[in-house]
Amino acid sequence: MVPVRCCLGCRQRESKDLLLRVVAENNRAVLDDSATLPGRGAYVHRNAECVEASLGTKAWPRALREPRLDLEELTLLVHNEEHTKKNRLNG
């Protein structure tokens, strides 16, 4: 049985395999694609909508128990997803 986690963006419960794990490392949110980095993890769906929704709240600092958390890597992920989506639509 696969563990179930909650997406910080849409709050839906989903199989852990379908979500992106993020951990706090040196006050930064770091993507953990291999799900092997140590420490507390939080999860979000692998789409720009959920990541963007999660960035508009205090969900990440609370979930990772890191009050001064730099979310730059997650912000870049949203911009890259949007850029990729536009490229697919245009051509």
Protein backbone atom coordinates (compact mmCIF):
# COMPACT_ATOMS: atom_id res chain seq x y z
CA MET A 1 0.00 0.00 0.00
CA VAL A 2 1.39 3.38 -1.06
CA PRO A 3 1.43 6.14 1.59
CA VAL A 4 -1.00 9.04 1.11
CA ARG A 5 -0.02 12.69 1.59
CA CYS A 6 -1.86 16.02 1.38
CA CYS A 7 -1.03 18.63 -1.29
CA LEU A 8 -0.27 22.03 0.25
CA GLY A 9 -1.80 23.77 -2.77
CA CYS A 10 -5.22 22.15 -3.22
CA ARG A 11 -5.37 20.19 0.07
CA GLN A 12 -6.38 16.98 -1.72
CA ARG A 13 -5.03 13.69 -0.47
CA GLU A 14 -3.03 11.79 -3.06
CA SER A 15 -0.61 8.92 -3.37
CA LYS A 16 2.87 9.98 -2.27
CA ASP A 17 4.23 8.85 -5.66
CA LEU A 18 2.16 11.47 -7.50
CA LEU A 19 3.34 14.42 -5.41
CA LEU A 20 6.54 16.43 -5.33
CA ARG A 21 8.39 16.35 -2.00
CA VAL A 22 10.00 19.52 -0.68
CA VAL A 23 12.31 19.75 2.34
CA ALA A 24 13.90 22.64 4.22
CA GLU A 25 17.67 22.83 3.89
CA ASN A 26 19.58 25.83 5.28
CA ASN A 27 16.40 27.95 5.41
CA ARG A 28 15.62 27.16 1.75
CA ALA A 29 12.85 25.05 0.26
CA VAL A 30 14.59 22.36 -1.81
CA LEU A 31 12.93 19.99 -4.27
CA ASP A 32 13.49 16.36 -3.32
CA ASP A 33 12.79 14.41 -6.53
CA SER A 34 14.32 11.21 -5.18
CA ALA A 35 12.50 11.51 -1.81
CA THR A 36 15.73 10.69 0.00
CA LEU A 37 16.81 13.99 1.55
CA PRO A 38 16.74 14.01 5.34
CA GLY A 39 14.31 16.07 7.35
CA ARG A 40 10.66 16.95 7.41
CA GLY A 41 9.02 16.93 4.01
CA ALA A 42 5.92 18.62 2.62
CA TYR A 43 4.13 17.72 -0.58
CA VAL A 44 2.53 19.47 -3.55
CA HIS A 45 1.12 18.30 -6.88
CA ARG A 46 3.50 18.59 -9.83
CA ASN A 47 1.58 21.40 -11.50
CA ALA A 48 1.94 25.16 -11.49
CA GLU A 49 -1.56 25.75 -10.14
CA CYS A 50 -0.98 23.85 -6.90
CA VAL A 51 2.54 25.20 -6.38
CA GLU A 52 1.34 28.76 -6.97
CA ALA A 53 -1.63 28.30 -4.62
CA SER A 54 0.68 26.99 -1.90
CA LEU A 55 3.00 29.99 -2.27
CA GLY A 56 0.18 32.42 -1.49
CA THR A 57 -0.16 31.11 2.05
CA LYS A 58 2.08 30.41 5.03
CA ALA A 59 1.70 26.69 4.39
CA TRP A 60 5.35 25.96 3.55
CA PRO A 61 6.97 27.56 6.63
CA ARG A 62 4.34 25.92 8.83
CA ALA A 63 4.59 22.46 7.23
CA LEU A 64 8.40 22.45 7.22
CA ARG A 65 8.63 24.17 10.63
CA GLU A 66 10.99 26.78 9.22
CA PRO A 67 9.67 30.32 9.91
CA ARG A 68 12.16 32.11 7.64
CA LEU A 69 11.94 29.89 4.59
CA ASP A 70 13.26 31.00 1.18
CA LEU A 71 10.78 29.76 -1.45
CA GLU A 72 12.77 30.87 -4.51
CA GLU A 73 13.18 27.34 -5.89
CA LEU A 74 9.42 26.77 -5.78
CA THR A 75 8.78 30.13 -7.43
CA LEU A 76 11.18 29.19 -10.24
CA LEU A 77 9.37 25.89 -10.63
CA VAL A 78 6.09 27.73 -11.24
CA HIS A 79 7.68 30.03 -13.83
CA ASN A 80 9.34 27.09 -15.62
CA GLU A 81 6.05 25.15 -15.71
CA GLU A 82 4.21 28.16 -17.15
CA HIS A 83 6.93 28.73 -19.75
CA THR A 84 6.83 25.06 -20.78
CA LYS A 85 3.03 25.14 -21.03
CA LYS A 86 3.14 28.25 -23.26
CA ASN A 87 5.73 26.64 -25.53
CA ARG A 88 3.57 23.53 -25.93
CA LEU A 89 0.55 25.63 -26.85
CA ASN A 90 2.48 27.74 -29.36
CA GLY A 91 4.18 25.08 -31.11
